[in-house]
Amino acid sequence: MTVKRRPTGQHHGDLRNALEEAALALVSERGPHGFTLAEACRRAGVSVSAPYKHFADRDALLASLAAQGFREQHRRFTAAVATSEDPTEQLAAFAAAYVRYAAEERALFDITFSAGLDRAHYPELAAGGAALFDILLPITGRIAPDRADAFDLLVRVASAAHGLALFLRQGILGAFGGEGDSLAETEERAARTARALAGQQRETAATTPVTRPHGPR
């Protein structure tokens, strides 16, 4: 993400946006725990008292950005799953989109998963996560009609995509002599993994006997 920096002391017509841009730049450089609200103010070119018109503290600023991240994920994942009507290919597209999001929106990704925000204090974050499940759970439900199995399949696909996204960012695949350490190759790896997990779920469902309640004889 390209973050525009503003000269110190410049008047901001959009203070909230200026502070969010400054915080994103700081997260990109230092991680979500590596700066203070005062530093975000200095980066934005505003007084240290300015943010309290919009944010009670640094966590509130990060929570606003995390909510932005959920909206961006929702946009990307909705577009990804719309490319097919087959649920297995929809999961593959979601997994690839997840990897790309983590690569292209590094700061938002880190805020969402590493900032340690207490979601009980920020209901918009719980709502953002629930909106993503609302997109994806009906897809896994077409592969695994039992809701618990559908939820488990979604968690496994998302977990695999998350792990591959981190491997890509940290250069782990190349470090261990593996191939396919580019973004495009990691996206394809995530898609293949999603297909494999969906296939395993179908096989399990096909071989699991259906237990029917005994009725009167």
Protein backbone atom coordinates (compact mmCIF):
# COMPACT_ATOMS: atom_id res chain seq x y z
CA MET A 1 0.00 0.00 0.00
CA THR A 2 1.30 3.44 -0.92
CA VAL A 3 0.89 5.87 1.95
CA LYS A 4 0.98 9.59 1.29
CA ARG A 5 2.90 11.59 3.84
CA ARG A 6 1.97 15.14 4.68
CA PRO A 7 4.34 17.94 5.71
CA THR A 8 4.55 18.55 9.45
CA GLY A 9 2.33 21.37 10.60
CA GLN A 10 0.05 21.25 7.56
CA HIS A 11 -3.64 21.79 8.28
CA HIS A 12 -5.74 18.71 7.59
CA GLY A 13 -9.25 18.92 6.27
CA ASP A 14 -9.58 15.17 6.94
CA LEU A 15 -7.89 14.55 10.26
CA ARG A 16 -9.18 11.00 10.64
CA ASN A 17 -7.81 9.91 7.28
CA ALA A 18 -4.49 11.66 7.92
CA LEU A 19 -4.03 9.79 11.20
CA GLU A 20 -4.96 6.46 9.60
CA GLU A 21 -2.47 7.01 6.78
CA ALA A 22 0.24 7.87 9.31
CA ALA A 23 -0.54 4.79 11.40
CA LEU A 24 -0.42 2.54 8.33
CA ALA A 25 3.00 3.92 7.43
CA LEU A 26 4.27 3.30 10.97
CA VAL A 27 2.87 -0.25 11.03
CA SER A 28 4.57 -0.94 7.70
CA GLU A 29 7.88 0.17 9.18
CA ARG A 30 7.67 -1.10 12.75
CA GLY A 31 4.72 -3.44 13.12
CA PRO A 32 1.46 -2.77 14.99
CA HIS A 33 3.16 -2.48 18.40
CA GLY A 34 6.09 -0.33 17.36
CA PHE A 35 4.69 3.17 17.67
CA THR A 36 2.71 5.48 19.91
CA LEU A 37 -0.28 7.66 19.18
CA ALA A 38 1.96 10.70 19.62
CA GLU A 39 4.24 9.39 16.87
CA ALA A 40 1.25 8.95 14.58
CA CYS A 41 0.36 12.58 15.26
CA ARG A 42 3.85 13.76 14.42
CA ARG A 43 3.86 11.68 11.23
CA ALA A 44 0.51 13.19 10.25
CA GLY A 45 1.72 16.69 11.08
CA VAL A 46 -0.88 17.43 13.76
CA SER A 47 -0.77 18.23 17.46
CA VAL A 48 -0.74 15.37 19.98
CA SER A 49 -4.18 16.44 21.20
CA ALA A 50 -5.70 16.22 17.72
CA PRO A 51 -6.54 12.48 17.55
CA TYR A 52 -8.84 12.52 20.55
CA LYS A 53 -11.52 14.08 18.38
CA HIS A 54 -11.70 10.71 16.61
CA PHE A 55 -9.74 8.08 18.55
CA ALA A 56 -9.61 7.51 22.30
CA ASP A 57 -6.20 5.83 22.07
CA ARG A 58 -3.82 3.96 19.79
CA ASP A 59 -5.91 0.78 19.92
CA ALA A 60 -8.97 2.69 18.73
CA LEU A 61 -6.95 3.97 15.77
CA LEU A 62 -5.77 0.44 14.98
CA ALA A 63 -9.31 -0.93 15.36
CA SER A 64 -10.52 1.56 12.76
CA LEU A 65 -7.84 0.30 10.39
CA ALA A 66 -8.68 -3.34 11.17
CA ALA A 67 -12.30 -2.63 10.26
CA GLN A 68 -11.04 -1.11 7.01
CA GLY A 69 -9.08 -4.31 6.45
CA PHE A 70 -12.18 -6.45 6.90
CA ARG A 71 -14.04 -4.33 4.35
CA GLU A 72 -11.21 -4.77 1.87
CA GLN A 73 -11.17 -8.52 2.46
CA HIS A 74 -14.92 -8.63 1.94
CA ARG A 75 -14.57 -6.82 -1.37
CA ARG A 76 -11.75 -9.04 -2.59
CA PHE A 77 -13.23 -12.35 -1.46
CA THR A 78 -16.67 -11.52 -2.86
CA ALA A 79 -15.09 -10.81 -6.24
CA ALA A 80 -12.98 -13.99 -6.04
CA VAL A 81 -15.82 -16.41 -5.33
CA ALA A 82 -17.96 -14.77 -8.02
CA THR A 83 -15.57 -16.11 -10.69
CA SER A 84 -17.07 -19.61 -10.49
CA GLU A 85 -20.25 -21.41 -9.52
CA ASP A 86 -18.45 -24.58 -8.45
CA PRO A 87 -17.89 -24.55 -4.65
CA THR A 88 -14.47 -26.21 -4.86
CA GLU A 89 -13.25 -23.60 -7.35
CA GLN A 90 -14.80 -20.86 -5.24
CA LEU A 91 -12.74 -22.03 -2.25
CA ALA A 92 -9.65 -22.18 -4.44
CA ALA A 93 -10.27 -18.61 -5.60
CA PHE A 94 -10.80 -17.46 -2.01
CA ALA A 95 -7.53 -19.08 -0.88
CA ALA A 96 -5.59 -17.40 -3.69
CA ALA A 97 -7.22 -14.05 -2.93
CA TYR A 98 -6.29 -14.44 0.74
CA VAL A 99 -2.62 -14.87 -0.14
CA ARG A 100 -2.70 -11.84 -2.45
CA TYR A 101 -4.41 -9.70 0.18
CA ALA A 102 -1.72 -10.57 2.73
CA ALA A 103 1.00 -9.67 0.22
CA GLU A 104 -0.53 -6.44 -1.08
CA GLU A 105 -2.00 -5.09 2.18
CA ARG A 106 0.75 -6.02 4.61
CA ALA A 107 -0.01 -3.36 7.20
CA LEU A 108 -3.75 -4.07 7.29
CA PHE A 109 -3.03 -7.80 7.48
CA ASP A 110 -0.65 -7.30 10.42
CA ILE A 111 -3.11 -5.06 12.25
CA THR A 112 -5.91 -7.60 11.84
CA PHE A 113 -3.91 -10.56 13.13
CA SER A 114 -1.07 -9.18 15.26
CA ALA A 115 -2.27 -6.01 16.99
CA GLY A 116 -3.86 -7.91 19.89
CA LEU A 117 -7.05 -5.88 19.79
CA ASP A 118 -9.78 -6.87 22.27
CA ARG A 119 -12.73 -7.53 19.99
CA ALA A 120 -15.14 -7.27 22.91
CA HIS A 121 -14.31 -3.54 22.92
CA TYR A 122 -14.69 -3.13 19.16
CA PRO A 123 -17.89 -4.80 17.92
CA GLU A 124 -17.22 -3.59 14.38
CA LEU A 125 -14.37 -6.11 14.21
CA ALA A 126 -16.57 -9.04 15.20
CA ALA A 127 -19.10 -7.83 12.63
CA GLY A 128 -16.38 -7.66 9.97
CA GLY A 129 -15.30 -11.23 10.64
CA ALA A 130 -18.89 -12.44 10.65
CA ALA A 131 -19.49 -10.81 7.27
CA LEU A 132 -16.63 -12.85 5.80
CA PHE A 133 -18.09 -16.07 7.18
CA ASP A 134 -21.43 -15.10 5.66
CA ILE A 135 -19.75 -15.15 2.24
CA LEU A 136 -17.79 -18.35 2.71
CA LEU A 137 -19.79 -20.68 4.95
CA PRO A 138 -22.58 -21.22 2.38
CA ILE A 139 -19.87 -22.32 -0.07
CA THR A 140 -18.39 -24.96 2.24
CA GLY A 141 -21.96 -25.92 3.13
CA ARG A 142 -22.47 -27.10 -0.45
CA ILE A 143 -19.55 -29.51 0.04
CA ALA A 144 -20.30 -30.49 3.64
CA PRO A 145 -24.03 -30.16 4.39
CA ASP A 146 -23.47 -30.67 8.13
CA ARG A 147 -22.84 -27.19 9.55
CA ALA A 148 -20.06 -28.32 11.87
CA ASP A 149 -18.25 -30.04 8.98
CA ALA A 150 -18.76 -26.97 6.77
CA PHE A 151 -17.28 -24.72 9.45
CA ASP A 152 -14.34 -27.10 9.93
CA LEU A 153 -13.63 -27.15 6.18
CA LEU A 154 -13.67 -23.35 6.04
CA VAL A 155 -11.26 -23.11 8.98
CA ARG A 156 -8.87 -25.60 7.36
CA VAL A 157 -8.88 -23.80 4.01
CA ALA A 158 -8.41 -20.39 5.63
CA SER A 159 -5.68 -21.70 7.95
CA ALA A 160 -3.76 -23.19 5.02
CA ALA A 161 -4.02 -19.94 3.06
CA HIS A 162 -2.93 -17.95 6.12
CA GLY A 163 0.11 -20.16 6.67
CA LEU A 164 1.14 -19.96 3.03
CA ALA A 165 0.74 -16.18 3.10
CA LEU A 166 3.13 -16.01 6.05
CA PHE A 167 5.57 -18.40 4.38
CA LEU A 168 5.60 -16.15 1.33
CA ARG A 169 6.21 -13.00 3.34
CA GLN A 170 9.01 -14.60 5.34
CA GLY A 171 10.66 -16.32 2.39
CA ILE A 172 10.38 -19.69 4.11
CA LEU A 173 9.74 -21.79 1.00
CA GLY A 174 12.87 -20.51 -0.71
CA ALA A 175 14.93 -20.67 2.48
CA PHE A 176 14.37 -24.43 2.72
CA GLY A 177 15.21 -25.07 -0.90
CA GLY A 178 11.63 -25.19 -2.07
CA GLU A 179 10.35 -23.87 -5.34
CA GLY A 180 7.44 -21.60 -6.01
CA ASP A 181 8.22 -18.68 -3.71
CA SER A 182 6.67 -15.96 -5.89
CA LEU A 183 3.26 -14.44 -5.21
CA ALA A 184 1.65 -16.07 -8.25
CA GLU A 185 3.10 -19.48 -7.38
CA THR A 186 2.00 -19.19 -3.76
CA GLU A 187 -1.50 -18.23 -4.87
CA GLU A 188 -1.63 -21.37 -7.01
CA ARG A 189 -0.31 -23.45 -4.12
CA ALA A 190 -3.06 -22.09 -1.88
CA ALA A 191 -5.67 -22.84 -4.55
CA ARG A 192 -4.39 -26.43 -4.94
CA THR A 193 -4.50 -26.92 -1.18
CA ALA A 194 -8.09 -25.67 -1.03
CA ARG A 195 -9.08 -28.08 -3.80
CA ALA A 196 -7.40 -30.96 -1.99
CA LEU A 197 -9.15 -30.16 1.29
CA ALA A 198 -12.50 -29.91 -0.48
CA GLY A 199 -11.83 -33.24 -2.18
CA GLN A 200 -10.95 -34.90 1.13
CA GLN A 201 -14.17 -33.60 2.63
CA ARG A 202 -16.22 -35.02 -0.25
CA GLU A 203 -14.49 -38.40 0.11
CA THR A 204 -15.13 -38.44 3.85
CA ALA A 205 -18.79 -37.64 3.34
CA ALA A 206 -19.11 -40.35 0.69
CA THR A 207 -17.61 -43.07 2.92
CA THR A 208 -19.25 -42.10 6.22
CA PRO A 209 -22.40 -44.16 6.86
CA VAL A 210 -25.51 -42.18 7.61
CA THR A 211 -26.90 -42.99 11.04
CA ARG A 212 -30.65 -43.02 11.00
CA PRO A 213 -32.83 -43.11 14.12
CA HIS A 214 -34.61 -46.42 14.70
CA GLY A 215 -38.32 -46.12 14.24
CA PRO A 216 -41.02 -48.48 15.46
CA ARG A 217 -41.02 -51.91 13.87
